[in-house]
Amino acid sequence: AGPSYFPIALVARLPYAMMVVGVLTLVVAGRDSLAFGGL
């Protein structure tokens, strides 16, 4: 695969794991609603 493949693939999948919690945190802070953040 090439020696650079595994570190690149590892970091590249991190945004996917940050999306749900990141959007929740942002919406709760910006719209002041935990229910709307969860939605």
All heavy atoms as atom14 arrays in JSON, in Angstrom:
{
  "sequence": "AGPSYFPIALVARLPYAMMVVGVLTLVVAGRDSLAFGGL",
  "atom14_mask": [
    [1, 1, 1, 1, 1, 0, 0, 0, 0, 0, 0, 0, 0, 0],
    [1, 1, 1, 1, 0, 0, 0, 0, 0, 0, 0, 0, 0, 0],
    [1, 1, 1, 1, 1, 1, 1, 0, 0, 0, 0, 0, 0, 0],
    [1, 1, 1, 1, 1, 1, 0, 0, 0, 0, 0, 0, 0, 0],
    [1, 1, 1, 1, 1, 1, 1, 1, 1, 1, 1, 1, 0, 0],
    [1, 1, 1, 1, 1, 1, 1, 1, 1, 1, 1, 0, 0, 0],
    [1, 1, 1, 1, 1, 1, 1, 0, 0, 0, 0, 0, 0, 0],
    [1, 1, 1, 1, 1, 1, 1, 1, 0, 0, 0, 0, 0, 0],
    [1, 1, 1, 1, 1, 0, 0, 0, 0, 0, 0, 0, 0, 0],
    [1, 1, 1, 1, 1, 1, 1, 1, 0, 0, 0, 0, 0, 0],
    [1, 1, 1, 1, 1, 1, 1, 0, 0, 0, 0, 0, 0, 0],
    [1, 1, 1, 1, 1, 0, 0, 0, 0, 0, 0, 0, 0, 0],
    [1, 1, 1, 1, 1, 1, 1, 1, 1, 1, 1, 0, 0, 0],
    [1, 1, 1, 1, 1, 1, 1, 1, 0, 0, 0, 0, 0, 0],
    [1, 1, 1, 1, 1, 1, 1, 0, 0, 0, 0, 0, 0, 0],
    [1, 1, 1, 1, 1, 1, 1, 1, 1, 1, 1, 1, 0, 0],
    [1, 1, 1, 1, 1, 0, 0, 0, 0, 0, 0, 0, 0, 0],
    [1, 1, 1, 1, 1, 1, 1, 1, 0, 0, 0, 0, 0, 0],
    [1, 1, 1, 1, 1, 1, 1, 1, 0, 0, 0, 0, 0, 0],
    [1, 1, 1, 1, 1, 1, 1, 0, 0, 0, 0, 0, 0, 0],
    [1, 1, 1, 1, 1, 1, 1, 0, 0, 0, 0, 0, 0, 0],
    [1, 1, 1, 1, 0, 0, 0, 0, 0, 0, 0, 0, 0, 0],
    [1, 1, 1, 1, 1, 1, 1, 0, 0, 0, 0, 0, 0, 0],
    [1, 1, 1, 1, 1, 1, 1, 1, 0, 0, 0, 0, 0, 0],
    [1, 1, 1, 1, 1, 1, 1, 0, 0, 0, 0, 0, 0, 0],
    [1, 1, 1, 1, 1, 1, 1, 1, 0, 0, 0, 0, 0, 0],
    [1, 1, 1, 1, 1, 1, 1, 0, 0, 0, 0, 0, 0, 0],
    [1, 1, 1, 1, 1, 1, 1, 0, 0, 0, 0, 0, 0, 0],
    [1, 1, 1, 1, 1, 0, 0, 0, 0, 0, 0, 0, 0, 0],
    [1, 1, 1, 1, 0, 0, 0, 0, 0, 0, 0, 0, 0, 0],
    [1, 1, 1, 1, 1, 1, 1, 1, 1, 1, 1, 0, 0, 0],
    [1, 1, 1, 1, 1, 1, 1, 1, 0, 0, 0, 0, 0, 0],
    [1, 1, 1, 1, 1, 1, 0, 0, 0, 0, 0, 0, 0, 0],
    [1, 1, 1, 1, 1, 1, 1, 1, 0, 0, 0, 0, 0, 0],
    [1, 1, 1, 1, 1, 0, 0, 0, 0, 0, 0, 0, 0, 0],
    [1, 1, 1, 1, 1, 1, 1, 1, 1, 1, 1, 0, 0, 0],
    [1, 1, 1, 1, 0, 0, 0, 0, 0, 0, 0, 0, 0, 0],
    [1, 1, 1, 1, 0, 0, 0, 0, 0, 0, 0, 0, 0, 0],
    [1, 1, 1, 1, 1, 1, 1, 1, 0, 0, 0, 0, 0, 0]
  ],
  "atom14_positions": [
    [[0.81, -1.21, 0.0], [0.0, 0.0, 0.0], [0.85, 1.26, 0.0], [0.39, 2.32, -0.44], [-0.93, 0.0, 1.21], [0.0, 0.0, 0.0], [0.0, 0.0, 0.0], [0.0, 0.0, 0.0], [0.0, 0.0, 0.0], [0.0, 0.0, 0.0], [0.0, 0.0, 0.0], [0.0, 0.0, 0.0], [0.0, 0.0, 0.0], [0.0, 0.0, 0.0]],
    [[2.06, 1.18, 0.5], [2.93, 2.35, 0.62], [3.03, 2.77, 2.07], [2.01, 2.78, 2.79], [0.0, 0.0, 0.0], [0.0, 0.0, 0.0], [0.0, 0.0, 0.0], [0.0, 0.0, 0.0], [0.0, 0.0, 0.0], [0.0, 0.0, 0.0], [0.0, 0.0, 0.0], [0.0, 0.0, 0.0], [0.0, 0.0, 0.0], [0.0, 0.0, 0.0]],
    [[4.21, 3.15, 2.56], [4.39, 3.48, 3.98], [3.58, 4.67, 4.47], [3.26, 4.76, 5.65], [5.91, 3.75, 4.09], [6.34, 4.07, 2.69], [5.46, 3.26, 1.8], [0.0, 0.0, 0.0], [0.0, 0.0, 0.0], [0.0, 0.0, 0.0], [0.0, 0.0, 0.0], [0.0, 0.0, 0.0], [0.0, 0.0, 0.0], [0.0, 0.0, 0.0]],
    [[3.21, 5.59, 3.58], [2.44, 6.76, 4.0], [0.94, 6.49, 4.06], [0.18, 7.31, 4.58], [2.7, 7.92, 3.03], [2.25, 7.59, 1.72], [0.0, 0.0, 0.0], [0.0, 0.0, 0.0], [0.0, 0.0, 0.0], [0.0, 0.0, 0.0], [0.0, 0.0, 0.0], [0.0, 0.0, 0.0], [0.0, 0.0, 0.0], [0.0, 0.0, 0.0]],
    [[0.52, 5.33, 3.56], [-0.91, 5.07, 3.45], [-1.61, 5.08, 4.8], [-2.63, 5.76, 4.99], [-1.16, 3.73, 2.76], [-2.63, 3.37, 2.73], [-3.47, 3.9, 1.76], [-3.19, 2.55, 3.7], [-4.83, 3.6, 1.75], [-4.54, 2.24, 3.7], [-5.35, 2.77, 2.72], [-6.69, 2.49, 2.73], [0.0, 0.0, 0.0], [0.0, 0.0, 0.0]],
    [[-1.1, 4.32, 5.76], [-1.81, 4.11, 7.02], [-1.94, 5.39, 7.86], [-3.02, 5.66, 8.39], [-1.18, 2.96, 7.8], [-1.46, 1.63, 7.18], [-0.53, 1.03, 6.33], [-2.66, 0.98, 7.4], [-0.8, -0.2, 5.73], [-2.94, -0.25, 6.81], [-2.01, -0.84, 5.96], [0.0, 0.0, 0.0], [0.0, 0.0, 0.0], [0.0, 0.0, 0.0]],
    [[-0.89, 6.21, 8.02], [-1.1, 7.46, 8.77], [-2.07, 8.41, 8.08], [-2.88, 9.07, 8.74], [0.31, 8.06, 8.88], [1.14, 7.34, 7.89], [0.54, 5.99, 7.72], [0.0, 0.0, 0.0], [0.0, 0.0, 0.0], [0.0, 0.0, 0.0], [0.0, 0.0, 0.0], [0.0, 0.0, 0.0], [0.0, 0.0, 0.0], [0.0, 0.0, 0.0]],
    [[-2.01, 8.49, 6.75], [-2.94, 9.36, 6.03], [-4.38, 8.87, 6.2], [-5.3, 9.65, 6.49], [-2.57, 9.45, 4.54], [-1.27, 10.22, 4.35], [-3.69, 10.1, 3.72], [-0.75, 10.23, 2.93], [0.0, 0.0, 0.0], [0.0, 0.0, 0.0], [0.0, 0.0, 0.0], [0.0, 0.0, 0.0], [0.0, 0.0, 0.0], [0.0, 0.0, 0.0]],
    [[-4.59, 7.58, 6.04], [-5.93, 7.01, 6.16], [-6.48, 7.18, 7.57], [-7.69, 7.36, 7.76], [-5.92, 5.54, 5.77], [0.0, 0.0, 0.0], [0.0, 0.0, 0.0], [0.0, 0.0, 0.0], [0.0, 0.0, 0.0], [0.0, 0.0, 0.0], [0.0, 0.0, 0.0], [0.0, 0.0, 0.0], [0.0, 0.0, 0.0], [0.0, 0.0, 0.0]],
    [[-5.6, 7.11, 8.58], [-6.05, 7.25, 9.96], [-6.56, 8.67, 10.24], [-7.66, 8.86, 10.77], [-4.91, 6.9, 10.91], [-5.24, 6.98, 12.41], [-6.3, 5.95, 12.79], [-3.97, 6.79, 13.25], [0.0, 0.0, 0.0], [0.0, 0.0, 0.0], [0.0, 0.0, 0.0], [0.0, 0.0, 0.0], [0.0, 0.0, 0.0], [0.0, 0.0, 0.0]],
    [[-5.78, 9.66, 9.87], [-6.18, 11.05, 10.14], [-7.36, 11.45, 9.26], [-8.23, 12.21, 9.68], [-4.98, 12.01, 9.93], [-5.4, 13.45, 10.2], [-3.82, 11.63, 10.83], [0.0, 0.0, 0.0], [0.0, 0.0, 0.0], [0.0, 0.0, 0.0], [0.0, 0.0, 0.0], [0.0, 0.0, 0.0], [0.0, 0.0, 0.0], [0.0, 0.0, 0.0]],
    [[-7.41, 10.93, 8.04], [-8.48, 11.31, 7.11], [-9.85, 10.87, 7.61], [-10.87, 11.47, 7.24], [-8.22, 10.7, 5.73], [0.0, 0.0, 0.0], [0.0, 0.0, 0.0], [0.0, 0.0, 0.0], [0.0, 0.0, 0.0], [0.0, 0.0, 0.0], [0.0, 0.0, 0.0], [0.0, 0.0, 0.0], [0.0, 0.0, 0.0], [0.0, 0.0, 0.0]],
    [[-9.93, 9.83, 8.45], [-11.24, 9.39, 8.95], [-11.66, 10.13, 10.22], [-12.79, 9.97, 10.68], [-11.24, 7.88, 9.18], [-10.44, 7.38, 10.33], [-10.48, 5.85, 10.42], [-9.61, 5.25, 9.43], [-9.64, 3.96, 9.09], [-10.5, 3.15, 9.68], [-8.83, 3.48, 8.19], [0.0, 0.0, 0.0], [0.0, 0.0, 0.0], [0.0, 0.0, 0.0]],
    [[-10.78, 10.94, 10.78], [-11.11, 11.66, 12.02], [-12.28, 12.64, 11.86], [-13.14, 12.7, 12.76], [-9.86, 12.38, 12.54], [-9.98, 13.06, 13.9], [-10.34, 12.04, 14.98], [-8.66, 13.75, 14.27], [0.0, 0.0, 0.0], [0.0, 0.0, 0.0], [0.0, 0.0, 0.0], [0.0, 0.0, 0.0], [0.0, 0.0, 0.0], [0.0, 0.0, 0.0]],
    [[-12.36, 13.43, 10.77], [-13.51, 14.34, 10.64], [-14.86, 13.64, 10.7], [-15.83, 14.18, 11.24], [-13.29, 15.0, 9.27], [-11.82, 14.92, 9.04], [-11.39, 13.62, 9.67], [0.0, 0.0, 0.0], [0.0, 0.0, 0.0], [0.0, 0.0, 0.0], [0.0, 0.0, 0.0], [0.0, 0.0, 0.0], [0.0, 0.0, 0.0], [0.0, 0.0, 0.0]],
    [[-14.93, 12.43, 10.18], [-16.18, 11.66, 10.2], [-16.61, 11.4, 11.64], [-17.81, 11.46, 11.97], [-15.97, 10.35, 9.45], [-17.23, 9.61, 9.07], [-17.95, 9.98, 7.94], [-17.69, 8.54, 9.82], [-19.1, 9.3, 7.57], [-18.84, 7.85, 9.46], [-19.53, 8.23, 8.33], [-20.67, 7.55, 7.96], [0.0, 0.0, 0.0], [0.0, 0.0, 0.0]],
    [[-15.64, 11.13, 12.51], [-15.93, 10.85, 13.92], [-16.22, 12.13, 14.7], [-16.77, 12.07, 15.8], [-14.77, 10.11, 14.56], [0.0, 0.0, 0.0], [0.0, 0.0, 0.0], [0.0, 0.0, 0.0], [0.0, 0.0, 0.0], [0.0, 0.0, 0.0], [0.0, 0.0, 0.0], [0.0, 0.0, 0.0], [0.0, 0.0, 0.0], [0.0, 0.0, 0.0]],
    [[-15.84, 13.29, 14.15], [-16.06, 14.56, 14.83], [-17.4, 15.2, 14.46], [-17.88, 16.08, 15.18], [-14.92, 15.53, 14.49], [-13.56, 15.12, 14.98], [-12.22, 16.17, 14.3], [-12.66, 17.78, 14.97], [0.0, 0.0, 0.0], [0.0, 0.0, 0.0], [0.0, 0.0, 0.0], [0.0, 0.0, 0.0], [0.0, 0.0, 0.0], [0.0, 0.0, 0.0]],
    [[-18.0, 14.78, 13.35], [-19.16, 15.48, 12.82], [-20.33, 15.54, 13.78], [-20.88, 16.62, 14.06], [-19.62, 14.84, 11.51], [-18.73, 15.06, 10.33], [-19.53, 14.51, 8.81], [-20.16, 12.9, 9.28], [0.0, 0.0, 0.0], [0.0, 0.0, 0.0], [0.0, 0.0, 0.0], [0.0, 0.0, 0.0], [0.0, 0.0, 0.0], [0.0, 0.0, 0.0]],
    [[-20.77, 14.39, 14.26], [-21.98, 14.33, 15.06], [-21.85, 15.14, 16.34], [-22.69, 15.99, 16.65], [-22.35, 12.87, 15.39], [-23.52, 12.81, 16.35], [-22.69, 12.11, 14.11], [0.0, 0.0, 0.0], [0.0, 0.0, 0.0], [0.0, 0.0, 0.0], [0.0, 0.0, 0.0], [0.0, 0.0, 0.0], [0.0, 0.0, 0.0], [0.0, 0.0, 0.0]],
    [[-20.75, 14.9, 17.07], [-20.55, 15.62, 18.33], [-20.25, 17.09, 18.07], [-20.69, 17.97, 18.81], [-19.41, 14.96, 19.14], [-19.21, 15.68, 20.47], [-19.71, 13.5, 19.39], [0.0, 0.0, 0.0], [0.0, 0.0, 0.0], [0.0, 0.0, 0.0], [0.0, 0.0, 0.0], [0.0, 0.0, 0.0], [0.0, 0.0, 0.0], [0.0, 0.0, 0.0]],
    [[-19.5, 17.37, 17.0], [-19.18, 18.75, 16.67], [-20.41, 19.57, 16.33], [-20.57, 20.72, 16.78], [0.0, 0.0, 0.0], [0.0, 0.0, 0.0], [0.0, 0.0, 0.0], [0.0, 0.0, 0.0], [0.0, 0.0, 0.0], [0.0, 0.0, 0.0], [0.0, 0.0, 0.0], [0.0, 0.0, 0.0], [0.0, 0.0, 0.0], [0.0, 0.0, 0.0]],
    [[-21.3, 18.99, 15.54], [-22.54, 19.69, 15.2], [-23.4, 19.88, 16.44], [-24.0, 20.94, 16.65], [-23.31, 18.91, 14.11], [-24.74, 19.43, 13.96], [-22.58, 19.02, 12.77], [0.0, 0.0, 0.0], [0.0, 0.0, 0.0], [0.0, 0.0, 0.0], [0.0, 0.0, 0.0], [0.0, 0.0, 0.0], [0.0, 0.0, 0.0], [0.0, 0.0, 0.0]],
    [[-23.47, 18.86, 17.29], [-24.24, 18.97, 18.53], [-23.71, 20.12, 19.39], [-24.48, 20.97, 19.87], [-24.16, 17.66, 19.3], [-24.78, 17.64, 20.7], [-26.29, 17.87, 20.63], [-24.47, 16.33, 21.41], [0.0, 0.0, 0.0], [0.0, 0.0, 0.0], [0.0, 0.0, 0.0], [0.0, 0.0, 0.0], [0.0, 0.0, 0.0], [0.0, 0.0, 0.0]],
    [[-22.39, 20.15, 19.59], [-21.78, 21.2, 20.4], [-22.04, 22.59, 19.82], [-22.4, 23.53, 20.54], [-20.26, 20.97, 20.5], [-20.01, 19.68, 21.06], [-19.59, 22.03, 21.36], [0.0, 0.0, 0.0], [0.0, 0.0, 0.0], [0.0, 0.0, 0.0], [0.0, 0.0, 0.0], [0.0, 0.0, 0.0], [0.0, 0.0, 0.0], [0.0, 0.0, 0.0]],
    [[-21.89, 22.72, 18.52], [-22.06, 24.0, 17.85], [-23.5, 24.5, 17.95], [-23.75, 25.66, 18.29], [-21.65, 23.86, 16.38], [-21.87, 25.09, 15.49], [-21.02, 26.26, 15.96], [-21.55, 24.74, 14.04], [0.0, 0.0, 0.0], [0.0, 0.0, 0.0], [0.0, 0.0, 0.0], [0.0, 0.0, 0.0], [0.0, 0.0, 0.0], [0.0, 0.0, 0.0]],
    [[-24.46, 23.63, 17.67], [-25.87, 24.05, 17.65], [-26.36, 24.37, 19.06], [-27.1, 25.34, 19.26], [-26.75, 22.96, 17.0], [-28.22, 23.33, 17.11], [-26.35, 22.78, 15.54], [0.0, 0.0, 0.0], [0.0, 0.0, 0.0], [0.0, 0.0, 0.0], [0.0, 0.0, 0.0], [0.0, 0.0, 0.0], [0.0, 0.0, 0.0], [0.0, 0.0, 0.0]],
    [[-25.95, 23.58, 20.04], [-26.35, 23.87, 21.42], [-25.83, 25.23, 21.85], [-26.55, 26.02, 22.48], [-25.85, 22.77, 22.38], [-26.05, 23.19, 23.83], [-26.59, 21.48, 22.11], [0.0, 0.0, 0.0], [0.0, 0.0, 0.0], [0.0, 0.0, 0.0], [0.0, 0.0, 0.0], [0.0, 0.0, 0.0], [0.0, 0.0, 0.0], [0.0, 0.0, 0.0]],
    [[-24.58, 25.55, 21.48], [-23.99, 26.84, 21.85], [-24.61, 27.99, 21.06], [-24.9, 29.05, 21.62], [-22.49, 26.81, 21.62], [0.0, 0.0, 0.0], [0.0, 0.0, 0.0], [0.0, 0.0, 0.0], [0.0, 0.0, 0.0], [0.0, 0.0, 0.0], [0.0, 0.0, 0.0], [0.0, 0.0, 0.0], [0.0, 0.0, 0.0], [0.0, 0.0, 0.0]],
    [[-24.84, 27.77, 19.76], [-25.33, 28.87, 18.91], [-26.82, 29.1, 18.97], [-27.28, 30.24, 18.82], [0.0, 0.0, 0.0], [0.0, 0.0, 0.0], [0.0, 0.0, 0.0], [0.0, 0.0, 0.0], [0.0, 0.0, 0.0], [0.0, 0.0, 0.0], [0.0, 0.0, 0.0], [0.0, 0.0, 0.0], [0.0, 0.0, 0.0], [0.0, 0.0, 0.0]],
    [[-27.61, 28.03, 19.21], [-29.07, 28.16, 19.23], [-29.66, 27.93, 20.62], [-30.87, 28.02, 20.78], [-29.68, 27.17, 18.23], [-29.27, 27.46, 16.77], [-30.02, 28.65, 16.21], [-29.49, 29.12, 14.94], [-30.24, 29.51, 13.91], [-31.56, 29.46, 13.99], [-29.67, 29.96, 12.8], [0.0, 0.0, 0.0], [0.0, 0.0, 0.0], [0.0, 0.0, 0.0]],
    [[-28.8, 27.65, 21.6], [-29.2, 27.53, 23.0], [-30.34, 26.54, 23.19], [-31.32, 26.83, 23.88], [-29.6, 28.91, 23.55], [-29.67, 28.9, 25.08], [-28.97, 28.08, 25.69], [-30.44, 29.71, 25.64], [0.0, 0.0, 0.0], [0.0, 0.0, 0.0], [0.0, 0.0, 0.0], [0.0, 0.0, 0.0], [0.0, 0.0, 0.0], [0.0, 0.0, 0.0]],
    [[-30.19, 25.36, 22.58], [-31.23, 24.34, 22.72], [-30.59, 22.96, 22.57], [-30.11, 22.61, 21.49], [-32.32, 24.52, 21.66], [-33.22, 23.43, 21.68], [0.0, 0.0, 0.0], [0.0, 0.0, 0.0], [0.0, 0.0, 0.0], [0.0, 0.0, 0.0], [0.0, 0.0, 0.0], [0.0, 0.0, 0.0], [0.0, 0.0, 0.0], [0.0, 0.0, 0.0]],
    [[-30.6, 22.2, 23.66], [-30.05, 20.85, 23.61], [-30.9, 19.96, 22.71], [-30.38, 19.13, 21.95], [-29.98, 20.26, 25.02], [-29.42, 18.85, 25.15], [-28.0, 18.77, 24.59], [-29.45, 18.38, 26.6], [0.0, 0.0, 0.0], [0.0, 0.0, 0.0], [0.0, 0.0, 0.0], [0.0, 0.0, 0.0], [0.0, 0.0, 0.0], [0.0, 0.0, 0.0]],
    [[-32.21, 20.13, 22.78], [-33.11, 19.32, 21.96], [-32.86, 19.57, 20.47], [-32.81, 18.64, 19.66], [-34.56, 19.6, 22.3], [0.0, 0.0, 0.0], [0.0, 0.0, 0.0], [0.0, 0.0, 0.0], [0.0, 0.0, 0.0], [0.0, 0.0, 0.0], [0.0, 0.0, 0.0], [0.0, 0.0, 0.0], [0.0, 0.0, 0.0], [0.0, 0.0, 0.0]],
    [[-32.69, 20.85, 20.1], [-32.44, 21.19, 18.69], [-31.06, 20.7, 18.26], [-30.86, 20.27, 17.13], [-32.57, 22.7, 18.48], [-32.52, 23.12, 17.04], [-33.44, 22.61, 16.12], [-31.57, 24.03, 16.59], [-33.4, 23.01, 14.79], [-31.53, 24.42, 15.27], [-32.44, 23.91, 14.36], [0.0, 0.0, 0.0], [0.0, 0.0, 0.0], [0.0, 0.0, 0.0]],
    [[-30.1, 20.74, 19.18], [-28.78, 20.22, 18.87], [-28.83, 18.73, 18.61], [-28.21, 18.23, 17.66], [0.0, 0.0, 0.0], [0.0, 0.0, 0.0], [0.0, 0.0, 0.0], [0.0, 0.0, 0.0], [0.0, 0.0, 0.0], [0.0, 0.0, 0.0], [0.0, 0.0, 0.0], [0.0, 0.0, 0.0], [0.0, 0.0, 0.0], [0.0, 0.0, 0.0]],
    [[-29.58, 17.99, 19.44], [-29.72, 16.55, 19.22], [-30.42, 16.24, 17.92], [-30.06, 15.27, 17.22], [0.0, 0.0, 0.0], [0.0, 0.0, 0.0], [0.0, 0.0, 0.0], [0.0, 0.0, 0.0], [0.0, 0.0, 0.0], [0.0, 0.0, 0.0], [0.0, 0.0, 0.0], [0.0, 0.0, 0.0], [0.0, 0.0, 0.0], [0.0, 0.0, 0.0]],
    [[-31.41, 17.06, 17.55], [-32.12, 16.86, 16.3], [-31.17, 17.05, 15.12], [-31.2, 16.28, 14.14], [-33.29, 17.84, 16.2], [-34.12, 17.78, 14.91], [-34.75, 16.41, 14.72], [-35.2, 18.87, 14.93], [0.0, 0.0, 0.0], [0.0, 0.0, 0.0], [0.0, 0.0, 0.0], [0.0, 0.0, 0.0], [0.0, 0.0, 0.0], [0.0, 0.0, 0.0]]
  ]
}
